[in-house]
Amino acid sequence: MNTITAVSPDTDDPDTISPEMLEVAQSYLTTNSILDTAEHLNIPSQTVTKYLDRREVRTFIDNVFMETGYRCRHKLGSTLDSIIDAKLSEMSDAEVTSSKDISELLALAQKFRKDELDMQIKLMKAKAEIERVVNGPTINIQDNSIEGSNYGNLLSKLLEKS
């Protein structure tokens, strides 16, 4: 019999989600309501809200939403592919060549692909900008002259009085 031991989350990894936060996120995904989640878990709704406001929990929920159902780009693409295949098969079986339906479906598939690539490019640009801002060059300018700072002005005034 295998034993699974719980390992405490690595505090250096900002994307690590604690078991409590995961439980709240999964319950929220099931109920789609903060109040129902609080009632289901028997905790205050403020606690649920606090957990749902955490960045790592929001990221987890967003990823689940984007990877399930027809929001998932893979499922959406495969469904559209099967519709196009069925339409092509229908056209060849009926020996009727109305290219309007199939061209509309192909144009829709092309539009989905183009939009997906545009969003990936925007995401890459946003990540690059964040990286540039975070790891970019830092310029510190320090003026140590007596006239260049409030401290220098204070020293000047003190020296004048003495």
C-alpha atoms as a PDB file:
ATOM      1  CA  MET A   1       0.000   0.000   0.000  1.00  0.00           C
ATOM      2  CA  ASN A   2       1.393   3.389  -1.017  1.00  0.00           C
ATOM      3  CA  THR A   3       1.307   6.257   1.406  1.00  0.00           C
ATOM      4  CA  ILE A   4       0.957   9.826   0.237  1.00  0.00           C
ATOM      5  CA  THR A   5       2.333  12.427   2.579  1.00  0.00           C
ATOM      6  CA  ALA A   6       1.305  16.041   2.402  1.00  0.00           C
ATOM      7  CA  VAL A   7       4.139  18.396   1.630  1.00  0.00           C
ATOM      8  CA  SER A   8       3.816  21.960   2.760  1.00  0.00           C
ATOM      9  CA  PRO A   9       3.637  24.420  -0.139  1.00  0.00           C
ATOM     10  CA  ASP A  10       6.914  25.945  -1.236  1.00  0.00           C
ATOM     11  CA  THR A  11       6.755  29.546  -0.090  1.00  0.00           C
ATOM     12  CA  ASP A  12       9.199  30.597  -2.826  1.00  0.00           C
ATOM     13  CA  ASP A  13       6.718  29.582  -5.525  1.00  0.00           C
ATOM     14  CA  PRO A  14       4.054  32.304  -5.824  1.00  0.00           C
ATOM     15  CA  ASP A  15       1.747  30.018  -7.831  1.00  0.00           C
ATOM     16  CA  THR A  16       1.487  27.372  -5.124  1.00  0.00           C
ATOM     17  CA  ILE A  17      -2.064  27.085  -3.901  1.00  0.00           C
ATOM     18  CA  SER A  18      -2.774  25.870  -0.387  1.00  0.00           C
ATOM     19  CA  PRO A  19      -5.227  23.003   0.212  1.00  0.00           C
ATOM     20  CA  GLU A  20      -7.694  25.405   1.831  1.00  0.00           C
ATOM     21  CA  MET A  21      -7.618  27.760  -1.154  1.00  0.00           C
ATOM     22  CA  LEU A  22      -7.953  24.811  -3.535  1.00  0.00           C
ATOM     23  CA  GLU A  23     -11.013  23.558  -1.639  1.00  0.00           C
ATOM     24  CA  VAL A  24     -12.638  27.009  -1.832  1.00  0.00           C
ATOM     25  CA  ALA A  25     -11.797  27.300  -5.551  1.00  0.00           C
ATOM     26  CA  GLN A  26     -13.209  23.854  -6.368  1.00  0.00           C
ATOM     27  CA  SER A  27     -16.362  24.503  -4.385  1.00  0.00           C
ATOM     28  CA  TYR A  28     -16.780  27.866  -6.105  1.00  0.00           C
ATOM     29  CA  LEU A  29     -16.369  26.214  -9.509  1.00  0.00           C
ATOM     30  CA  THR A  30     -19.131  23.787  -8.559  1.00  0.00           C
ATOM     31  CA  THR A  31     -21.567  26.303  -7.074  1.00  0.00           C
ATOM     32  CA  ASN A  32     -20.653  29.478  -9.026  1.00  0.00           C
ATOM     33  CA  SER A  33     -21.699  31.483  -5.990  1.00  0.00           C
ATOM     34  CA  ILE A  34     -19.780  32.932  -3.065  1.00  0.00           C
ATOM     35  CA  LEU A  35     -22.722  32.475  -0.703  1.00  0.00           C
ATOM     36  CA  ASP A  36     -23.327  28.858  -1.770  1.00  0.00           C
ATOM     37  CA  THR A  37     -19.608  28.134  -1.439  1.00  0.00           C
ATOM     38  CA  ALA A  38     -19.557  29.614   2.064  1.00  0.00           C
ATOM     39  CA  GLU A  39     -22.623  27.579   3.023  1.00  0.00           C
ATOM     40  CA  HIS A  40     -21.230  24.382   1.476  1.00  0.00           C
ATOM     41  CA  LEU A  41     -17.878  24.738   3.274  1.00  0.00           C
ATOM     42  CA  ASN A  42     -19.443  26.123   6.451  1.00  0.00           C
ATOM     43  CA  ILE A  43     -17.191  29.185   6.513  1.00  0.00           C
ATOM     44  CA  PRO A  44     -17.945  32.937   6.416  1.00  0.00           C
ATOM     45  CA  SER A  45     -18.524  34.464   2.982  1.00  0.00           C
ATOM     46  CA  GLN A  46     -15.797  37.029   3.763  1.00  0.00           C
ATOM     47  CA  THR A  47     -13.289  34.181   4.010  1.00  0.00           C
ATOM     48  CA  VAL A  48     -14.451  32.803   0.663  1.00  0.00           C
ATOM     49  CA  THR A  49     -14.103  36.255  -0.887  1.00  0.00           C
ATOM     50  CA  LYS A  50     -10.640  36.667   0.639  1.00  0.00           C
ATOM     51  CA  TYR A  51      -9.499  33.358  -0.855  1.00  0.00           C
ATOM     52  CA  LEU A  52     -11.079  34.083  -4.255  1.00  0.00           C
ATOM     53  CA  ASP A  53      -9.314  37.458  -4.398  1.00  0.00           C
ATOM     54  CA  ARG A  54      -5.901  35.801  -4.172  1.00  0.00           C
ATOM     55  CA  ARG A  55      -3.969  35.910  -7.447  1.00  0.00           C
ATOM     56  CA  GLU A  56      -3.103  32.219  -7.480  1.00  0.00           C
ATOM     57  CA  VAL A  57      -6.738  31.218  -6.874  1.00  0.00           C
ATOM     58  CA  ARG A  58      -7.980  33.539  -9.631  1.00  0.00           C
ATOM     59  CA  THR A  59      -5.386  32.064 -11.993  1.00  0.00           C
ATOM     60  CA  PHE A  60      -6.478  28.524 -11.078  1.00  0.00           C
ATOM     61  CA  ILE A  61     -10.171  29.311 -11.651  1.00  0.00           C
ATOM     62  CA  ASP A  62      -9.452  31.094 -14.936  1.00  0.00           C
ATOM     63  CA  ASN A  63      -7.414  28.131 -16.179  1.00  0.00           C
ATOM     64  CA  VAL A  64     -10.180  25.678 -15.276  1.00  0.00           C
ATOM     65  CA  PHE A  65     -12.793  27.814 -17.039  1.00  0.00           C
ATOM     66  CA  MET A  66     -10.634  28.094 -20.145  1.00  0.00           C
ATOM     67  CA  GLU A  67      -9.880  24.363 -20.276  1.00  0.00           C
ATOM     68  CA  THR A  68     -13.412  23.006 -19.821  1.00  0.00           C
ATOM     69  CA  GLY A  69     -16.426  22.922 -22.087  1.00  0.00           C
ATOM     70  CA  TYR A  70     -16.574  24.845 -25.312  1.00  0.00           C
ATOM     71  CA  ARG A  71     -14.399  27.622 -23.892  1.00  0.00           C
ATOM     72  CA  CYS A  72     -11.454  25.259 -24.359  1.00  0.00           C
ATOM     73  CA  ARG A  73      -9.715  26.188 -27.579  1.00  0.00           C
ATOM     74  CA  HIS A  74      -8.859  22.535 -28.286  1.00  0.00           C
ATOM     75  CA  LYS A  75     -12.441  21.340 -27.884  1.00  0.00           C
ATOM     76  CA  LEU A  76     -13.771  24.297 -29.855  1.00  0.00           C
ATOM     77  CA  GLY A  77     -11.315  23.592 -32.665  1.00  0.00           C
ATOM     78  CA  SER A  78     -12.015  19.858 -32.761  1.00  0.00           C
ATOM     79  CA  THR A  79     -15.783  20.487 -32.756  1.00  0.00           C
ATOM     80  CA  LEU A  80     -15.448  22.913 -35.641  1.00  0.00           C
ATOM     81  CA  ASP A  81     -13.233  20.400 -37.479  1.00  0.00           C
ATOM     82  CA  SER A  82     -15.837  17.650 -37.053  1.00  0.00           C
ATOM     83  CA  ILE A  83     -18.587  19.986 -38.329  1.00  0.00           C
ATOM     84  CA  ILE A  84     -16.477  20.800 -41.399  1.00  0.00           C
ATOM     85  CA  ASP A  85     -15.751  17.074 -41.944  1.00  0.00           C
ATOM     86  CA  ALA A  86     -19.464  16.249 -41.655  1.00  0.00           C
ATOM     87  CA  LYS A  87     -20.353  19.035 -44.083  1.00  0.00           C
ATOM     88  CA  LEU A  88     -17.728  17.830 -46.596  1.00  0.00           C
ATOM     89  CA  SER A  89     -19.011  14.270 -46.258  1.00  0.00           C
ATOM     90  CA  GLU A  90     -22.589  15.464 -46.713  1.00  0.00           C
ATOM     91  CA  MET A  91     -21.585  17.389 -49.827  1.00  0.00           C
ATOM     92  CA  SER A  92     -19.856  14.372 -51.373  1.00  0.00           C
ATOM     93  CA  ASP A  93     -22.721  11.974 -50.480  1.00  0.00           C
ATOM     94  CA  ALA A  94     -25.399  14.271 -51.884  1.00  0.00           C
ATOM     95  CA  GLU A  95     -23.233  15.091 -54.902  1.00  0.00           C
ATOM     96  CA  VAL A  96     -24.401  18.652 -54.508  1.00  0.00           C
ATOM     97  CA  THR A  97     -21.691  21.244 -54.496  1.00  0.00           C
ATOM     98  CA  SER A  98     -22.880  24.268 -52.578  1.00  0.00           C
ATOM     99  CA  SER A  99     -19.639  25.799 -51.502  1.00  0.00           C
ATOM    100  CA  LYS A 100     -21.309  28.610 -49.544  1.00  0.00           C
ATOM    101  CA  ASP A 101     -21.828  26.582 -46.332  1.00  0.00           C
ATOM    102  CA  ILE A 102     -18.372  25.062 -46.327  1.00  0.00           C
ATOM    103  CA  SER A 103     -16.689  28.356 -47.198  1.00  0.00           C
ATOM    104  CA  GLU A 104     -18.475  30.056 -44.296  1.00  0.00           C
ATOM    105  CA  LEU A 105     -17.323  27.313 -41.934  1.00  0.00           C
ATOM    106  CA  LEU A 106     -13.759  27.508 -43.216  1.00  0.00           C
ATOM    107  CA  ALA A 107     -13.807  31.306 -42.874  1.00  0.00           C
ATOM    108  CA  LEU A 108     -15.056  30.901 -39.290  1.00  0.00           C
ATOM    109  CA  ALA A 109     -12.272  28.414 -38.520  1.00  0.00           C
ATOM    110  CA  GLN A 110      -9.722  30.792 -40.035  1.00  0.00           C
ATOM    111  CA  LYS A 111     -11.105  33.697 -37.982  1.00  0.00           C
ATOM    112  CA  PHE A 112     -10.885  31.638 -34.764  1.00  0.00           C
ATOM    113  CA  ARG A 113      -7.283  30.715 -35.536  1.00  0.00           C
ATOM    114  CA  LYS A 114      -6.329  34.299 -36.404  1.00  0.00           C
ATOM    115  CA  ASP A 115      -7.954  35.627 -33.212  1.00  0.00           C
ATOM    116  CA  GLU A 116      -6.165  32.975 -31.163  1.00  0.00           C
ATOM    117  CA  LEU A 117      -2.792  33.892 -32.673  1.00  0.00           C
ATOM    118  CA  ASP A 118      -3.470  37.618 -32.136  1.00  0.00           C
ATOM    119  CA  MET A 119      -4.224  36.975 -28.460  1.00  0.00           C
ATOM    120  CA  GLN A 120      -1.071  34.881 -28.081  1.00  0.00           C
ATOM    121  CA  ILE A 121       0.988  37.704 -29.599  1.00  0.00           C
ATOM    122  CA  LYS A 122      -0.618  40.232 -27.226  1.00  0.00           C
ATOM    123  CA  LEU A 123       0.093  37.936 -24.276  1.00  0.00           C
ATOM    124  CA  MET A 124       3.727  37.534 -25.327  1.00  0.00           C
ATOM    125  CA  LYS A 125       4.093  41.318 -25.703  1.00  0.00           C
ATOM    126  CA  ALA A 126       2.534  41.902 -22.273  1.00  0.00           C
ATOM    127  CA  LYS A 127       4.867  39.348 -20.674  1.00  0.00           C
ATOM    128  CA  ALA A 128       7.866  40.912 -22.423  1.00  0.00           C
ATOM    129  CA  GLU A 129       6.834  44.388 -21.225  1.00  0.00           C
ATOM    130  CA  ILE A 130       6.444  43.143 -17.659  1.00  0.00           C
ATOM    131  CA  GLU A 131       9.853  41.463 -17.885  1.00  0.00           C
ATOM    132  CA  ARG A 132      11.369  44.643 -19.304  1.00  0.00           C
ATOM    133  CA  VAL A 133       9.873  46.780 -16.536  1.00  0.00           C
ATOM    134  CA  VAL A 134      10.832  44.378 -13.770  1.00  0.00           C
ATOM    135  CA  ASN A 135      14.321  43.518 -14.984  1.00  0.00           C
ATOM    136  CA  GLY A 136      15.050  46.680 -16.957  1.00  0.00           C
ATOM    137  CA  PRO A 137      17.845  49.079 -16.166  1.00  0.00           C
ATOM    138  CA  THR A 138      17.493  51.190 -13.062  1.00  0.00           C
ATOM    139  CA  ILE A 139      18.942  54.684 -13.027  1.00  0.00           C
ATOM    140  CA  ASN A 140      19.506  56.305  -9.673  1.00  0.00           C
ATOM    141  CA  ILE A 141      20.392  59.971  -9.672  1.00  0.00           C
ATOM    142  CA  GLN A 142      21.734  61.394  -6.470  1.00  0.00           C
ATOM    143  CA  ASP A 143      22.601  65.028  -6.017  1.00  0.00           C
ATOM    144  CA  ASN A 144      25.037  65.394  -3.130  1.00  0.00           C
ATOM    145  CA  SER A 145      25.602  69.108  -3.515  1.00  0.00           C
ATOM    146  CA  ILE A 146      24.539  71.323  -0.666  1.00  0.00           C
ATOM    147  CA  GLU A 147      22.062  73.218  -2.861  1.00  0.00           C
ATOM    148  CA  GLY A 148      20.588  70.057  -4.404  1.00  0.00           C
ATOM    149  CA  SER A 149      18.418  68.700  -1.602  1.00  0.00           C
ATOM    150  CA  ASN A 150      16.241  69.673   1.314  1.00  0.00           C
ATOM    151  CA  TYR A 151      18.926  68.355   3.615  1.00  0.00           C
ATOM    152  CA  GLY A 152      21.439  70.573   1.837  1.00  0.00           C
ATOM    153  CA  ASN A 153      19.131  73.572   2.184  1.00  0.00           C
ATOM    154  CA  LEU A 154      18.762  72.868   5.897  1.00  0.00           C
ATOM    155  CA  LEU A 155      22.531  72.640   6.303  1.00  0.00           C
ATOM    156  CA  SER A 156      22.968  75.921   4.407  1.00  0.00           C
ATOM    157  CA  LYS A 157      20.518  77.693   6.673  1.00  0.00           C
ATOM    158  CA  LEU A 158      22.177  76.275   9.782  1.00  0.00           C
ATOM    159  CA  LEU A 159      25.620  77.319   8.563  1.00  0.00           C
ATOM    160  CA  GLU A 160      24.389  80.835   7.779  1.00  0.00           C
ATOM    161  CA  LYS A 161      23.045  81.289  11.325  1.00  0.00           C
ATOM    162  CA  SER A 162      26.228  80.212  13.008  1.00  0.00           C
END
